[in-house]
Amino acid sequence: MASAEPWQMAEIPGPRKAIVIPRPEALIALVKRAKRLIFIVGHGASEVSLKEGGTPMDWSIRVSRASGIPILATGHAVKGFIERGFKPGAYMSAVDVANRLIDPGWEGLDGKGQYELAIFIGFHYYLAWNLLSGLKHFSQNIKTLSLDRFYQPHASLSLPNLSVDEWEVYLKALEDALRSG
């Protein structure tokens, strides 16, 4: 059964916690409703193998190609994208990404304005915890979505704690929905 408690129990997120996405259909509706989205992909996206084939990094490439959602690679994740023959929209350190998302003057990768929804995947739990905490407390309008398989209370929205198999159901459903338009 999916759980909505922080995966690192010693960490206290405060009174405002992420809304849990209870099922894949809710995730699809949320992503399809957003007008300006960006994928923030960490190096951990190449560390887990999915049964359907590949890794979350491969999944993010397929989704980006199908939907046009730009990918911002952090740290050495860019190496994984280049090895796969995919050029992300940009790459920079995870902390720099968070600083730019907080900056009301940043116009995004394409210069068309701030993003409405930043989707995070492939981060070590403790790093995502700190990045999302900063965004929760200091950003003005951006919503954050954690697609990692552990509940991330500092995101605006998060998947619950999931097994790899359950997690893959969410990712596959979102990919299929974005492919079909």
C-alpha atoms as a PDB file:
ATOM      1  CA  MET A   1       0.000   0.000   0.000  1.00  0.00           C
ATOM      2  CA  ALA A   2       1.292   3.468  -0.852  1.00  0.00           C
ATOM      3  CA  SER A   3       2.292   5.713   2.016  1.00  0.00           C
ATOM      4  CA  ALA A   4       2.436   9.501   2.384  1.00  0.00           C
ATOM      5  CA  GLU A   5       4.953   9.874   5.146  1.00  0.00           C
ATOM      6  CA  PRO A   6       8.433  11.282   4.527  1.00  0.00           C
ATOM      7  CA  TRP A   7      10.789   8.513   3.540  1.00  0.00           C
ATOM      8  CA  GLN A   8      13.441   9.908   5.915  1.00  0.00           C
ATOM      9  CA  MET A   9      11.524   9.826   9.149  1.00  0.00           C
ATOM     10  CA  ALA A  10      13.919  12.046  11.132  1.00  0.00           C
ATOM     11  CA  GLU A  11      13.213  14.997   8.861  1.00  0.00           C
ATOM     12  CA  ILE A  12      10.330  17.250   9.880  1.00  0.00           C
ATOM     13  CA  PRO A  13       8.791  19.055   6.877  1.00  0.00           C
ATOM     14  CA  GLY A  14       6.662  21.567   8.779  1.00  0.00           C
ATOM     15  CA  PRO A  15       2.913  22.184   8.683  1.00  0.00           C
ATOM     16  CA  ARG A  16       2.596  22.556   4.890  1.00  0.00           C
ATOM     17  CA  LYS A  17       3.154  19.246   3.097  1.00  0.00           C
ATOM     18  CA  ALA A  18       2.843  18.054  -0.484  1.00  0.00           C
ATOM     19  CA  ILE A  19      -0.499  16.940  -1.815  1.00  0.00           C
ATOM     20  CA  VAL A  20      -0.287  13.228  -2.525  1.00  0.00           C
ATOM     21  CA  ILE A  21      -1.212  12.099  -6.019  1.00  0.00           C
ATOM     22  CA  PRO A  22      -3.343   9.070  -5.187  1.00  0.00           C
ATOM     23  CA  ARG A  23      -3.513   7.439  -8.633  1.00  0.00           C
ATOM     24  CA  PRO A  24      -2.025   7.785 -12.117  1.00  0.00           C
ATOM     25  CA  GLU A  25      -5.178   9.423 -13.543  1.00  0.00           C
ATOM     26  CA  ALA A  26      -4.782  12.345 -11.137  1.00  0.00           C
ATOM     27  CA  LEU A  27      -1.156  12.744 -12.228  1.00  0.00           C
ATOM     28  CA  ILE A  28      -2.178  12.804 -15.894  1.00  0.00           C
ATOM     29  CA  ALA A  29      -4.873  15.440 -15.303  1.00  0.00           C
ATOM     30  CA  LEU A  30      -2.471  17.623 -13.328  1.00  0.00           C
ATOM     31  CA  VAL A  31       0.295  17.534 -15.947  1.00  0.00           C
ATOM     32  CA  LYS A  32      -2.061  18.031 -18.881  1.00  0.00           C
ATOM     33  CA  ARG A  33      -3.631  21.072 -17.204  1.00  0.00           C
ATOM     34  CA  ALA A  34      -0.305  22.915 -16.759  1.00  0.00           C
ATOM     35  CA  LYS A  35       0.641  25.340 -19.522  1.00  0.00           C
ATOM     36  CA  ARG A  36       4.407  25.830 -18.955  1.00  0.00           C
ATOM     37  CA  LEU A  37       6.259  22.788 -17.694  1.00  0.00           C
ATOM     38  CA  ILE A  38       9.860  21.773 -17.316  1.00  0.00           C
ATOM     39  CA  PHE A  39      11.481  18.478 -16.374  1.00  0.00           C
ATOM     40  CA  ILE A  40      14.367  18.797 -13.923  1.00  0.00           C
ATOM     41  CA  VAL A  41      16.290  15.525 -14.192  1.00  0.00           C
ATOM     42  CA  GLY A  42      18.993  14.479 -11.739  1.00  0.00           C
ATOM     43  CA  HIS A  43      21.732  11.918 -12.186  1.00  0.00           C
ATOM     44  CA  GLY A  44      19.805   9.347 -10.169  1.00  0.00           C
ATOM     45  CA  ALA A  45      17.470   8.938 -13.148  1.00  0.00           C
ATOM     46  CA  SER A  46      19.999   6.591 -14.700  1.00  0.00           C
ATOM     47  CA  GLU A  47      20.461   4.446 -11.574  1.00  0.00           C
ATOM     48  CA  VAL A  48      17.184   2.478 -11.487  1.00  0.00           C
ATOM     49  CA  SER A  49      16.115  -0.049 -14.107  1.00  0.00           C
ATOM     50  CA  LEU A  50      12.459  -0.168 -15.069  1.00  0.00           C
ATOM     51  CA  LYS A  51      10.804  -3.429 -16.103  1.00  0.00           C
ATOM     52  CA  GLU A  52       9.323  -1.872 -19.234  1.00  0.00           C
ATOM     53  CA  GLY A  53      12.836  -1.105 -20.369  1.00  0.00           C
ATOM     54  CA  GLY A  54      15.432   1.497 -19.678  1.00  0.00           C
ATOM     55  CA  THR A  55      15.659   3.911 -16.800  1.00  0.00           C
ATOM     56  CA  PRO A  56      13.745   6.985 -15.650  1.00  0.00           C
ATOM     57  CA  MET A  57      16.223   8.957 -17.788  1.00  0.00           C
ATOM     58  CA  ASP A  58      15.152   6.981 -20.873  1.00  0.00           C
ATOM     59  CA  TRP A  59      11.536   7.550 -19.825  1.00  0.00           C
ATOM     60  CA  SER A  60      12.097  11.328 -19.531  1.00  0.00           C
ATOM     61  CA  ILE A  61      13.612  11.410 -23.034  1.00  0.00           C
ATOM     62  CA  ARG A  62      10.610   9.570 -24.503  1.00  0.00           C
ATOM     63  CA  VAL A  63       8.178  11.871 -22.703  1.00  0.00           C
ATOM     64  CA  SER A  64      10.079  15.012 -23.722  1.00  0.00           C
ATOM     65  CA  ARG A  65      10.167  13.952 -27.375  1.00  0.00           C
ATOM     66  CA  ALA A  66       6.463  13.064 -27.338  1.00  0.00           C
ATOM     67  CA  SER A  67       5.225  16.128 -25.457  1.00  0.00           C
ATOM     68  CA  GLY A  68       7.792  18.846 -26.102  1.00  0.00           C
ATOM     69  CA  ILE A  69       8.382  19.386 -22.376  1.00  0.00           C
ATOM     70  CA  PRO A  70      11.971  20.665 -22.093  1.00  0.00           C
ATOM     71  CA  ILE A  71      14.501  18.848 -19.937  1.00  0.00           C
ATOM     72  CA  LEU A  72      16.966  20.648 -17.711  1.00  0.00           C
ATOM     73  CA  ALA A  73      19.669  18.175 -16.707  1.00  0.00           C
ATOM     74  CA  THR A  74      21.516  18.668 -13.439  1.00  0.00           C
ATOM     75  CA  GLY A  75      25.038  17.699 -12.480  1.00  0.00           C
ATOM     76  CA  HIS A  76      26.490  14.853 -14.438  1.00  0.00           C
ATOM     77  CA  ALA A  77      23.060  13.700 -15.675  1.00  0.00           C
ATOM     78  CA  VAL A  78      23.951  15.522 -18.861  1.00  0.00           C
ATOM     79  CA  LYS A  79      26.482  12.774 -19.596  1.00  0.00           C
ATOM     80  CA  GLY A  80      23.702  10.180 -19.559  1.00  0.00           C
ATOM     81  CA  PHE A  81      21.620  12.233 -21.963  1.00  0.00           C
ATOM     82  CA  ILE A  82      24.532  12.759 -24.355  1.00  0.00           C
ATOM     83  CA  GLU A  83      25.364   9.027 -24.271  1.00  0.00           C
ATOM     84  CA  ARG A  84      21.754   8.396 -25.324  1.00  0.00           C
ATOM     85  CA  GLY A  85      22.013  10.872 -28.209  1.00  0.00           C
ATOM     86  CA  PHE A  86      19.657  13.398 -26.586  1.00  0.00           C
ATOM     87  CA  LYS A  87      20.497  17.056 -26.043  1.00  0.00           C
ATOM     88  CA  PRO A  88      18.653  18.495 -23.035  1.00  0.00           C
ATOM     89  CA  GLY A  89      17.355  22.062 -23.195  1.00  0.00           C
ATOM     90  CA  ALA A  90      20.033  23.076 -20.687  1.00  0.00           C
ATOM     91  CA  TYR A  91      22.199  21.723 -17.919  1.00  0.00           C
ATOM     92  CA  MET A  92      23.411  23.262 -14.678  1.00  0.00           C
ATOM     93  CA  SER A  93      23.897  22.401 -11.044  1.00  0.00           C
ATOM     94  CA  ALA A  94      20.801  21.476  -9.045  1.00  0.00           C
ATOM     95  CA  VAL A  95      21.298  24.446  -6.714  1.00  0.00           C
ATOM     96  CA  ASP A  96      21.532  26.821  -9.687  1.00  0.00           C
ATOM     97  CA  VAL A  97      18.288  25.365 -11.070  1.00  0.00           C
ATOM     98  CA  ALA A  98      16.532  26.056  -7.765  1.00  0.00           C
ATOM     99  CA  ASN A  99      17.924  29.592  -7.650  1.00  0.00           C
ATOM    100  CA  ARG A 100      16.664  30.297 -11.167  1.00  0.00           C
ATOM    101  CA  LEU A 101      13.214  28.892 -10.410  1.00  0.00           C
ATOM    102  CA  ILE A 102      13.001  31.202  -7.387  1.00  0.00           C
ATOM    103  CA  ASP A 103      14.114  34.253  -9.416  1.00  0.00           C
ATOM    104  CA  PRO A 104      10.988  36.134 -10.627  1.00  0.00           C
ATOM    105  CA  GLY A 105      13.073  37.709 -13.397  1.00  0.00           C
ATOM    106  CA  TRP A 106      14.134  34.403 -14.972  1.00  0.00           C
ATOM    107  CA  GLU A 107      12.297  33.912 -18.244  1.00  0.00           C
ATOM    108  CA  GLY A 108      12.921  30.175 -18.591  1.00  0.00           C
ATOM    109  CA  LEU A 109      15.031  28.269 -21.068  1.00  0.00           C
ATOM    110  CA  ASP A 110      13.153  29.702 -24.034  1.00  0.00           C
ATOM    111  CA  GLY A 111      12.748  33.289 -22.778  1.00  0.00           C
ATOM    112  CA  LYS A 112       8.930  32.999 -22.711  1.00  0.00           C
ATOM    113  CA  GLY A 113       8.401  33.479 -18.982  1.00  0.00           C
ATOM    114  CA  GLN A 114       8.363  31.562 -15.764  1.00  0.00           C
ATOM    115  CA  TYR A 115       7.292  27.958 -15.535  1.00  0.00           C
ATOM    116  CA  GLU A 116       4.008  26.992 -13.953  1.00  0.00           C
ATOM    117  CA  LEU A 117       5.107  23.471 -13.008  1.00  0.00           C
ATOM    118  CA  ALA A 118       8.593  22.079 -12.413  1.00  0.00           C
ATOM    119  CA  ILE A 119       8.688  18.277 -12.467  1.00  0.00           C
ATOM    120  CA  PHE A 120      11.588  16.696 -10.545  1.00  0.00           C
ATOM    121  CA  ILE A 121      12.831  13.157 -11.130  1.00  0.00           C
ATOM    122  CA  GLY A 122      16.094  11.328 -10.475  1.00  0.00           C
ATOM    123  CA  PHE A 123      17.305  13.027  -7.298  1.00  0.00           C
ATOM    124  CA  HIS A 124      18.712  11.545  -4.140  1.00  0.00           C
ATOM    125  CA  TYR A 125      16.106  12.028  -1.445  1.00  0.00           C
ATOM    126  CA  TYR A 126      18.149  14.361   0.745  1.00  0.00           C
ATOM    127  CA  LEU A 127      19.050  16.650  -2.185  1.00  0.00           C
ATOM    128  CA  ALA A 128      15.465  16.880  -3.446  1.00  0.00           C
ATOM    129  CA  TRP A 129      14.348  17.545   0.140  1.00  0.00           C
ATOM    130  CA  ASN A 130      16.568  20.637   0.345  1.00  0.00           C
ATOM    131  CA  LEU A 131      15.894  21.915  -3.184  1.00  0.00           C
ATOM    132  CA  LEU A 132      12.144  21.583  -2.814  1.00  0.00           C
ATOM    133  CA  SER A 133      12.207  23.114   0.661  1.00  0.00           C
ATOM    134  CA  GLY A 134      13.861  26.224  -0.756  1.00  0.00           C
ATOM    135  CA  LEU A 135      11.355  26.395  -3.593  1.00  0.00           C
ATOM    136  CA  LYS A 136       8.437  25.892  -1.201  1.00  0.00           C
ATOM    137  CA  HIS A 137       9.546  28.751   1.021  1.00  0.00           C
ATOM    138  CA  PHE A 138      10.986  31.247  -1.451  1.00  0.00           C
ATOM    139  CA  SER A 139       9.369  30.864  -4.880  1.00  0.00           C
ATOM    140  CA  GLN A 140       6.365  32.969  -5.712  1.00  0.00           C
ATOM    141  CA  ASN A 141       4.250  31.146  -8.269  1.00  0.00           C
ATOM    142  CA  ILE A 142       5.844  27.883  -9.314  1.00  0.00           C
ATOM    143  CA  LYS A 143       4.370  24.545  -8.322  1.00  0.00           C
ATOM    144  CA  THR A 144       6.680  21.570  -7.950  1.00  0.00           C
ATOM    145  CA  LEU A 145       5.939  17.931  -8.632  1.00  0.00           C
ATOM    146  CA  SER A 146       8.153  15.117  -7.396  1.00  0.00           C
ATOM    147  CA  LEU A 147       8.009  12.049  -9.644  1.00  0.00           C
ATOM    148  CA  ASP A 148      10.570  10.163  -7.604  1.00  0.00           C
ATOM    149  CA  ARG A 149       9.217   7.050  -5.946  1.00  0.00           C
ATOM    150  CA  PHE A 150       9.368   8.318  -2.384  1.00  0.00           C
ATOM    151  CA  TYR A 151       6.947  10.872  -0.942  1.00  0.00           C
ATOM    152  CA  GLN A 152       8.605  14.283  -0.953  1.00  0.00           C
ATOM    153  CA  PRO A 153       6.743  16.552   1.528  1.00  0.00           C
ATOM    154  CA  HIS A 154       8.430  19.781   0.382  1.00  0.00           C
ATOM    155  CA  ALA A 155       7.083  19.498  -3.172  1.00  0.00           C
ATOM    156  CA  SER A 156       3.716  21.054  -3.977  1.00  0.00           C
ATOM    157  CA  LEU A 157       2.606  17.632  -5.235  1.00  0.00           C
ATOM    158  CA  SER A 158       4.230  14.248  -4.796  1.00  0.00           C
ATOM    159  CA  LEU A 159       3.785  10.599  -5.507  1.00  0.00           C
ATOM    160  CA  PRO A 160       3.368   8.496  -2.359  1.00  0.00           C
ATOM    161  CA  ASN A 161       6.053   6.019  -1.255  1.00  0.00           C
ATOM    162  CA  LEU A 162       5.907   3.352  -3.952  1.00  0.00           C
ATOM    163  CA  SER A 163       7.549   0.086  -4.878  1.00  0.00           C
ATOM    164  CA  VAL A 164       9.398   0.137  -8.197  1.00  0.00           C
ATOM    165  CA  ASP A 165       6.500  -1.748  -9.817  1.00  0.00           C
ATOM    166  CA  GLU A 166       3.887   0.732  -8.520  1.00  0.00           C
ATOM    167  CA  TRP A 167       6.086   3.658  -9.541  1.00  0.00           C
ATOM    168  CA  GLU A 168       6.394   2.286 -13.050  1.00  0.00           C
ATOM    169  CA  VAL A 169       2.576   2.210 -13.365  1.00  0.00           C
ATOM    170  CA  TYR A 170       2.477   5.986 -12.760  1.00  0.00           C
ATOM    171  CA  LEU A 171       5.323   6.697 -15.199  1.00  0.00           C
ATOM    172  CA  LYS A 172       3.869   4.464 -17.926  1.00  0.00           C
ATOM    173  CA  ALA A 173       0.402   5.983 -17.585  1.00  0.00           C
ATOM    174  CA  LEU A 174       1.771   9.521 -17.850  1.00  0.00           C
ATOM    175  CA  GLU A 175       3.926   8.620 -20.852  1.00  0.00           C
ATOM    176  CA  ASP A 176       0.981   7.009 -22.663  1.00  0.00           C
ATOM    177  CA  ALA A 177      -1.282   9.991 -21.962  1.00  0.00           C
ATOM    178  CA  LEU A 178       1.256  12.537 -23.172  1.00  0.00           C
ATOM    179  CA  ARG A 179       2.005  10.493 -26.311  1.00  0.00           C
ATOM    180  CA  SER A 180      -1.674  10.390 -27.232  1.00  0.00           C
ATOM    181  CA  GLY A 181      -2.015  14.134 -26.742  1.00  0.00           C
END
